């Protein structure tokens, strides 16, 4: 049995993106997660929300909520892989335990 942690990830995208672009980024993110060692990747929820404060002069953004399992070192690999994507405004990852 693999000793994986369970994670929740939130990726915030620009409100200026079209639905097709968001779906493409979703597929790209799932591939990045998988290539970095994550398994059981699920897009839990996708929604547009108003920010508490503007981010890069934007008032709204698309939030993509993911759940997945991976070894602890995977999160750093994922962050490095998505770091230079200009459409991603913010990303957060939370470890919420093991199986």
N, C-alpha and C. Protein backbone atom coordinates (compact mmCIF):
# COMPACT_ATOMS: atom_id res chain seq x y z
N UNK A 1 0.84 -1.19 0.00
CA UNK A 1 0.00 0.00 0.00
C UNK A 1 0.88 1.24 0.00
N UNK A 2 0.53 2.18 -0.86
CA UNK A 2 1.31 3.40 -0.95
C UNK A 2 0.99 4.33 0.22
N UNK A 3 2.01 5.04 0.67
CA UNK A 3 1.86 5.94 1.80
C UNK A 3 1.66 7.37 1.29
N UNK A 4 0.52 7.64 0.70
CA UNK A 4 0.23 8.93 0.10
C UNK A 4 -0.58 9.81 1.04
N UNK A 5 -0.36 11.11 0.93
CA UNK A 5 -1.18 12.09 1.63
C UNK A 5 -2.34 12.48 0.74
N UNK A 6 -3.43 12.92 1.36
CA UNK A 6 -4.56 13.46 0.62
C UNK A 6 -4.42 14.98 0.59
N UNK A 7 -4.69 15.56 -0.56
CA UNK A 7 -4.56 17.01 -0.72
C UNK A 7 -5.80 17.60 -1.36
N UNK A 8 -6.03 18.84 -1.02
CA UNK A 8 -6.99 19.67 -1.74
C UNK A 8 -6.20 20.83 -2.32
N UNK A 9 -6.47 21.14 -3.56
CA UNK A 9 -5.79 22.25 -4.22
C UNK A 9 -6.80 23.22 -4.79
N UNK A 10 -6.48 24.51 -4.71
CA UNK A 10 -7.31 25.55 -5.30
C UNK A 10 -6.44 26.33 -6.27
N UNK A 11 -6.91 26.41 -7.50
CA UNK A 11 -6.23 27.18 -8.53
C UNK A 11 -7.17 28.31 -8.92
N UNK A 12 -6.67 29.55 -8.89
CA UNK A 12 -7.49 30.70 -9.24
C UNK A 12 -7.04 31.24 -10.59
N UNK A 13 -8.00 31.33 -11.51
CA UNK A 13 -7.73 31.80 -12.87
C UNK A 13 -8.37 33.16 -13.10
N UNK A 14 -7.88 33.86 -14.10
CA UNK A 14 -8.38 35.18 -14.47
C UNK A 14 -9.85 35.10 -14.90
N UNK A 15 -10.61 36.13 -14.56
CA UNK A 15 -12.01 36.20 -14.96
C UNK A 15 -12.17 36.43 -16.46
N UNK A 16 -11.12 36.84 -17.13
CA UNK A 16 -11.17 37.15 -18.55
C UNK A 16 -11.09 35.92 -19.45
N UNK A 17 -10.93 34.75 -18.84
CA UNK A 17 -10.78 33.52 -19.62
C UNK A 17 -12.13 33.02 -20.11
N UNK A 18 -12.11 32.38 -21.28
CA UNK A 18 -13.31 31.76 -21.84
C UNK A 18 -13.43 30.33 -21.32
N UNK A 19 -14.63 29.78 -21.42
CA UNK A 19 -14.90 28.43 -20.92
C UNK A 19 -13.98 27.39 -21.56
N UNK A 20 -13.72 27.52 -22.88
CA UNK A 20 -12.84 26.55 -23.55
C UNK A 20 -11.42 26.62 -22.99
N UNK A 21 -10.96 27.85 -22.69
CA UNK A 21 -9.61 28.02 -22.13
C UNK A 21 -9.52 27.43 -20.72
N UNK A 22 -10.57 27.61 -19.95
CA UNK A 22 -10.59 27.05 -18.59
C UNK A 22 -10.56 25.53 -18.66
N UNK A 23 -11.32 24.94 -19.56
CA UNK A 23 -11.32 23.49 -19.71
C UNK A 23 -9.95 22.97 -20.17
N UNK A 24 -9.28 23.72 -21.04
CA UNK A 24 -7.94 23.34 -21.49
C UNK A 24 -6.95 23.38 -20.32
N UNK A 25 -7.02 24.45 -19.52
CA UNK A 25 -6.13 24.55 -18.36
C UNK A 25 -6.43 23.44 -17.36
N UNK A 26 -7.71 23.10 -17.18
CA UNK A 26 -8.08 22.00 -16.30
C UNK A 26 -7.39 20.71 -16.75
N UNK A 27 -7.47 20.40 -18.05
CA UNK A 27 -6.80 19.20 -18.57
C UNK A 27 -5.28 19.28 -18.40
N UNK A 28 -4.71 20.46 -18.67
CA UNK A 28 -3.27 20.65 -18.50
C UNK A 28 -2.86 20.44 -17.04
N UNK A 29 -3.65 20.99 -16.11
CA UNK A 29 -3.34 20.84 -14.69
C UNK A 29 -3.41 19.38 -14.25
N UNK A 30 -4.41 18.68 -14.71
CA UNK A 30 -4.51 17.25 -14.36
C UNK A 30 -3.30 16.48 -14.87
N UNK A 31 -2.83 16.81 -16.07
CA UNK A 31 -1.63 16.16 -16.61
C UNK A 31 -0.39 16.52 -15.79
N UNK A 32 -0.29 17.78 -15.39
CA UNK A 32 0.85 18.20 -14.56
C UNK A 32 0.82 17.46 -13.24
N UNK A 33 -0.35 17.40 -12.59
CA UNK A 33 -0.47 16.68 -11.31
C UNK A 33 -0.03 15.23 -11.49
N UNK A 34 -0.52 14.59 -12.55
CA UNK A 34 -0.21 13.18 -12.80
C UNK A 34 1.29 12.99 -13.06
N UNK A 35 1.88 13.86 -13.89
CA UNK A 35 3.31 13.76 -14.20
C UNK A 35 4.19 14.01 -12.99
N UNK A 36 3.68 14.76 -12.02
CA UNK A 36 4.45 15.05 -10.79
C UNK A 36 4.27 13.95 -9.74
N UNK A 37 3.38 12.98 -9.99
CA UNK A 37 3.24 11.85 -9.08
C UNK A 37 1.91 11.74 -8.36
N UNK A 38 0.96 12.62 -8.67
CA UNK A 38 -0.35 12.56 -8.02
C UNK A 38 -1.23 11.49 -8.65
N UNK A 39 -2.17 10.99 -7.87
CA UNK A 39 -3.12 9.98 -8.34
C UNK A 39 -4.52 10.37 -7.87
N UNK A 40 -5.53 9.72 -8.46
CA UNK A 40 -6.93 9.96 -8.10
C UNK A 40 -7.29 11.44 -8.14
N UNK A 41 -6.94 12.09 -9.22
CA UNK A 41 -7.14 13.54 -9.38
C UNK A 41 -8.58 13.80 -9.80
N UNK A 42 -9.27 14.64 -9.03
CA UNK A 42 -10.67 14.95 -9.31
C UNK A 42 -10.86 16.46 -9.24
N UNK A 43 -11.50 17.01 -10.28
CA UNK A 43 -11.93 18.40 -10.21
C UNK A 43 -13.23 18.40 -9.43
N UNK A 44 -13.17 18.84 -8.19
CA UNK A 44 -14.29 18.77 -7.27
C UNK A 44 -15.35 19.83 -7.58
N UNK A 45 -14.89 21.04 -7.92
CA UNK A 45 -15.83 22.13 -8.15
C UNK A 45 -15.14 23.21 -8.97
N UNK A 46 -15.94 23.91 -9.79
CA UNK A 46 -15.43 25.04 -10.58
C UNK A 46 -16.47 26.14 -10.48
N UNK A 47 -16.04 27.34 -10.05
CA UNK A 47 -16.99 28.43 -9.93
C UNK A 47 -16.31 29.79 -10.03
N UNK A 48 -17.11 30.79 -10.42
CA UNK A 48 -16.63 32.16 -10.49
C UNK A 48 -17.00 32.85 -9.18
N UNK A 49 -16.01 33.54 -8.58
CA UNK A 49 -16.23 34.21 -7.30
C UNK A 49 -15.64 35.61 -7.32
N UNK A 50 -16.19 36.46 -6.48
CA UNK A 50 -15.65 37.81 -6.29
C UNK A 50 -14.52 37.72 -5.28
N UNK A 51 -13.42 38.42 -5.56
CA UNK A 51 -12.28 38.44 -4.64
C UNK A 51 -12.58 39.36 -3.45
N UNK A 52 -11.95 39.09 -2.35
CA UNK A 52 -12.05 39.96 -1.18
C UNK A 52 -11.33 41.29 -1.45
N UNK A 53 -10.29 41.22 -2.26
CA UNK A 53 -9.54 42.41 -2.69
C UNK A 53 -9.06 42.14 -4.12
N UNK A 54 -8.85 43.18 -4.89
CA UNK A 54 -8.44 42.96 -6.29
C UNK A 54 -7.09 42.23 -6.40
N UNK A 55 -7.01 41.36 -7.38
CA UNK A 55 -5.77 40.67 -7.71
C UNK A 55 -5.43 41.05 -9.14
N UNK A 56 -4.31 41.68 -9.32
CA UNK A 56 -3.88 42.16 -10.65
C UNK A 56 -4.99 42.97 -11.32
N UNK A 57 -5.63 43.84 -10.53
CA UNK A 57 -6.69 44.75 -10.97
C UNK A 57 -7.97 44.03 -11.40
N UNK A 58 -8.13 42.78 -11.02
CA UNK A 58 -9.33 42.01 -11.34
C UNK A 58 -10.20 41.88 -10.09
N UNK A 59 -11.50 41.90 -10.27
CA UNK A 59 -12.45 41.78 -9.17
C UNK A 59 -12.95 40.34 -8.96
N UNK A 60 -12.95 39.56 -10.05
CA UNK A 60 -13.46 38.19 -10.01
C UNK A 60 -12.42 37.22 -10.55
N UNK A 61 -12.62 35.95 -10.25
CA UNK A 61 -11.77 34.91 -10.79
C UNK A 61 -12.49 33.58 -10.79
N UNK A 62 -11.99 32.65 -11.58
CA UNK A 62 -12.52 31.29 -11.61
C UNK A 62 -11.70 30.42 -10.66
N UNK A 63 -12.40 29.76 -9.76
CA UNK A 63 -11.77 28.89 -8.78
C UNK A 63 -11.96 27.45 -9.22
N UNK A 64 -10.85 26.72 -9.31
CA UNK A 64 -10.89 25.29 -9.61
C UNK A 64 -10.44 24.55 -8.35
N UNK A 65 -11.31 23.70 -7.82
CA UNK A 65 -11.02 22.95 -6.59
C UNK A 65 -10.72 21.50 -6.95
N UNK A 66 -9.52 21.04 -6.58
CA UNK A 66 -9.08 19.68 -6.89
C UNK A 66 -8.89 18.88 -5.61
N UNK A 67 -9.10 17.57 -5.73
CA UNK A 67 -8.73 16.63 -4.68
C UNK A 67 -7.85 15.57 -5.32
N UNK A 68 -6.77 15.20 -4.62
CA UNK A 68 -5.87 14.18 -5.15
C UNK A 68 -5.03 13.59 -4.04
N UNK A 69 -4.34 12.51 -4.35
CA UNK A 69 -3.43 11.84 -3.42
C UNK A 69 -2.04 11.83 -4.03
N UNK A 70 -1.03 12.04 -3.19
CA UNK A 70 0.34 12.04 -3.71
C UNK A 70 1.35 11.95 -2.57
N UNK A 71 2.60 11.64 -2.92
CA UNK A 71 3.68 11.71 -1.93
C UNK A 71 3.91 13.18 -1.54
N UNK A 72 4.48 13.43 -0.37
CA UNK A 72 4.66 14.80 0.10
C UNK A 72 5.49 15.71 -0.83
N UNK A 73 6.48 15.18 -1.52
CA UNK A 73 7.34 16.02 -2.36
C UNK A 73 6.67 16.47 -3.66
N UNK A 74 5.51 15.91 -3.97
CA UNK A 74 4.81 16.24 -5.21
C UNK A 74 4.34 17.69 -5.25
N UNK A 75 3.94 18.24 -4.12
CA UNK A 75 3.39 19.60 -4.09
C UNK A 75 4.42 20.61 -4.59
N UNK A 76 5.67 20.48 -4.17
CA UNK A 76 6.71 21.39 -4.65
C UNK A 76 6.91 21.27 -6.16
N UNK A 77 6.84 20.06 -6.68
CA UNK A 77 6.97 19.85 -8.12
C UNK A 77 5.81 20.51 -8.87
N UNK A 78 4.59 20.36 -8.35
CA UNK A 78 3.42 20.97 -8.98
C UNK A 78 3.54 22.49 -8.97
N UNK A 79 3.90 23.05 -7.83
CA UNK A 79 4.04 24.52 -7.73
C UNK A 79 5.06 25.04 -8.73
N UNK A 80 6.16 24.34 -8.87
CA UNK A 80 7.19 24.76 -9.82
C UNK A 80 6.69 24.66 -11.26
N UNK A 81 5.91 23.64 -11.55
CA UNK A 81 5.40 23.44 -12.91
C UNK A 81 4.37 24.48 -13.33
N UNK A 82 3.59 24.99 -12.38
CA UNK A 82 2.54 25.96 -12.74
C UNK A 82 2.95 27.40 -12.48
N UNK A 83 4.11 27.59 -11.93
CA UNK A 83 4.58 28.91 -11.50
C UNK A 83 4.58 29.97 -12.60
N UNK A 84 4.93 29.60 -13.81
CA UNK A 84 5.10 30.58 -14.88
C UNK A 84 3.88 30.69 -15.79
N UNK A 85 2.77 30.06 -15.41
CA UNK A 85 1.54 30.17 -16.20
C UNK A 85 0.86 31.50 -15.85
N UNK A 86 0.80 32.41 -16.80
CA UNK A 86 0.27 33.74 -16.55
C UNK A 86 -1.24 33.77 -16.30
N UNK A 87 -1.95 32.70 -16.65
CA UNK A 87 -3.40 32.64 -16.40
C UNK A 87 -3.74 32.24 -14.98
N UNK A 88 -2.77 31.67 -14.26
CA UNK A 88 -2.99 31.26 -12.88
C UNK A 88 -2.60 32.42 -11.96
N UNK A 89 -3.62 32.96 -11.27
CA UNK A 89 -3.38 34.10 -10.39
C UNK A 89 -2.85 33.65 -9.02
N UNK A 90 -3.40 32.59 -8.49
CA UNK A 90 -2.99 32.06 -7.19
C UNK A 90 -3.19 30.54 -7.17
N UNK A 91 -2.45 29.88 -6.28
CA UNK A 91 -2.67 28.45 -6.06
C UNK A 91 -2.41 28.14 -4.58
N UNK A 92 -3.23 27.26 -4.05
CA UNK A 92 -3.12 26.84 -2.64
C UNK A 92 -3.28 25.34 -2.58
N UNK A 93 -2.48 24.70 -1.71
CA UNK A 93 -2.59 23.26 -1.53
C UNK A 93 -2.62 22.96 -0.04
N UNK A 94 -3.56 22.12 0.36
CA UNK A 94 -3.76 21.78 1.77
C UNK A 94 -3.67 20.27 1.92
N UNK A 95 -2.84 19.81 2.85
CA UNK A 95 -2.73 18.42 3.20
C UNK A 95 -3.78 18.13 4.26
N UNK A 96 -4.67 17.17 3.98
CA UNK A 96 -5.67 16.85 4.99
C UNK A 96 -5.63 15.39 5.43
N UNK A 97 -4.45 14.80 5.44
CA UNK A 97 -4.27 13.49 6.05
C UNK A 97 -3.88 12.38 5.10
N UNK A 98 -3.96 11.17 5.64
CA UNK A 98 -3.60 9.96 4.89
C UNK A 98 -4.78 9.00 4.94
N UNK A 99 -4.67 7.98 4.07
CA UNK A 99 -5.71 6.93 4.09
C UNK A 99 -5.60 6.10 5.35
